[in-house]
Amino acid sequence: KAAELIAEYLPSIIRRVVEVDKQSSLSISIYVRPAGRTESTKDPEVIIKAKPDYGDEVVTLKARLTGEGDDAQLSLISELVQSELDEVEAPEEEKVATG
């Protein structure tokens, strides 16, 4: 079931990275951290990283796997896109420059 849930996320991740760089091939890493690895991880965690071979655009998706069997579901913890982080910082710099 976990594999099915991960597979549902992959198309959107691939689309987001490919929008940035259509010429590059893409490497996708999927990590599954077992439950109880640290005190804060009571449930298994899934981390998906998508990265083009060229450029530094990386999409990192972090999710928690809860439930078992048919009741299992992935809850998104965070989704980080390198360019979005840059965009968040940019408007503040512009305000400082104009104000």
Protein backbone atom coordinates (compact mmCIF):
# COMPACT_ATOMS: atom_id res chain seq x y z
CA LYS A 1 0.00 0.00 0.00
CA ALA A 2 2.83 2.40 0.81
CA ALA A 3 4.28 1.89 -2.66
CA GLU A 4 0.91 2.79 -4.24
CA LEU A 5 0.71 5.98 -2.19
CA ILE A 6 4.25 6.98 -3.15
CA ALA A 7 3.49 6.27 -6.81
CA GLU A 8 0.51 8.66 -6.67
CA TYR A 9 2.83 11.52 -5.69
CA LEU A 10 5.51 10.89 -8.32
CA PRO A 11 3.77 12.39 -11.40
CA SER A 12 3.28 15.77 -9.71
CA ILE A 13 6.87 15.84 -8.48
CA ILE A 14 8.22 14.94 -11.91
CA ARG A 15 6.02 17.60 -13.53
CA ARG A 16 7.31 20.30 -11.19
CA VAL A 17 10.97 19.55 -11.86
CA VAL A 18 10.50 19.10 -15.60
CA GLU A 19 8.78 22.51 -15.85
CA VAL A 20 12.06 24.06 -14.79
CA ASP A 21 14.43 22.09 -17.01
CA LYS A 22 12.91 20.11 -19.87
CA GLN A 23 16.29 19.09 -21.34
CA SER A 24 17.63 17.28 -18.32
CA SER A 25 17.17 13.70 -17.26
CA LEU A 26 15.81 13.26 -13.78
CA SER A 27 16.97 11.20 -10.85
CA ILE A 28 14.46 10.35 -8.16
CA SER A 29 15.48 9.00 -4.77
CA ILE A 30 12.96 7.48 -2.41
CA TYR A 31 13.94 6.92 1.20
CA VAL A 32 11.79 5.13 3.74
CA ARG A 33 12.82 5.68 7.34
CA PRO A 34 11.51 3.01 9.69
CA ALA A 35 9.37 3.99 12.67
CA GLY A 36 11.17 4.65 15.92
CA ARG A 37 14.45 5.61 14.29
CA THR A 38 14.40 8.79 16.32
CA GLU A 39 12.15 9.82 19.20
CA SER A 40 10.04 12.03 16.97
CA THR A 41 9.35 9.34 14.35
CA LYS A 42 6.58 7.18 15.73
CA ASP A 43 5.46 6.40 12.17
CA PRO A 44 7.60 5.49 9.18
CA GLU A 45 8.63 8.48 7.08
CA VAL A 46 8.91 8.63 3.32
CA ILE A 47 11.26 11.13 1.70
CA ILE A 48 11.19 11.59 -2.06
CA LYS A 49 13.86 13.70 -3.75
CA ALA A 50 13.70 14.58 -7.42
CA LYS A 51 16.67 16.25 -9.06
CA PRO A 52 17.66 16.96 -12.66
CA ASP A 53 21.15 15.85 -13.66
CA TYR A 54 21.98 19.45 -14.56
CA GLY A 55 20.95 22.47 -12.55
CA ASP A 56 20.17 22.67 -8.87
CA GLU A 57 16.39 22.44 -8.84
CA VAL A 58 15.53 19.82 -6.23
CA VAL A 59 12.03 18.90 -5.11
CA THR A 60 11.98 17.27 -1.70
CA LEU A 61 8.78 15.76 -0.43
CA LYS A 62 8.56 14.49 3.12
CA ALA A 63 5.57 12.46 4.26
CA ARG A 64 4.56 10.35 7.23
CA LEU A 65 3.06 6.93 6.68
CA THR A 66 0.18 6.29 9.05
CA GLY A 67 -2.22 3.38 9.39
CA GLU A 68 -1.84 -0.13 8.07
CA GLY A 69 -3.13 -2.15 5.15
CA ASP A 70 -6.02 -0.51 3.31
CA ASP A 71 -6.20 2.25 5.93
CA ALA A 72 -2.62 3.36 5.29
CA GLN A 73 -2.12 6.92 4.12
CA LEU A 74 0.70 9.34 3.48
CA SER A 75 0.42 12.64 5.32
CA LEU A 76 2.50 15.37 3.80
CA ILE A 77 4.92 16.88 6.32
CA SER A 78 6.61 19.31 3.98
CA GLU A 79 7.38 19.95 0.36
CA LEU A 80 10.42 21.99 -0.48
CA VAL A 81 11.29 23.29 -3.90
CA GLN A 82 14.58 25.14 -4.15
CA SER A 83 13.25 27.84 -6.49
CA GLU A 84 10.26 28.50 -4.20
CA LEU A 85 12.61 29.13 -1.31
CA ASP A 86 14.47 31.65 -3.45
CA GLU A 87 11.21 33.33 -4.51
CA VAL A 88 10.10 33.75 -0.90
CA GLU A 89 13.27 35.66 -0.10
CA ALA A 90 13.27 37.81 -3.26
CA PRO A 91 10.20 40.03 -2.62
CA GLU A 92 11.58 41.14 0.76
CA GLU A 93 14.79 42.31 -0.89
CA GLU A 94 12.77 44.28 -3.45
CA LYS A 95 10.80 46.03 -0.71
CA VAL A 96 13.99 47.08 1.02
CA ALA A 97 15.40 48.43 -2.26
CA THR A 98 12.28 50.47 -3.16
CA GLY A 99 11.37 51.59 0.36
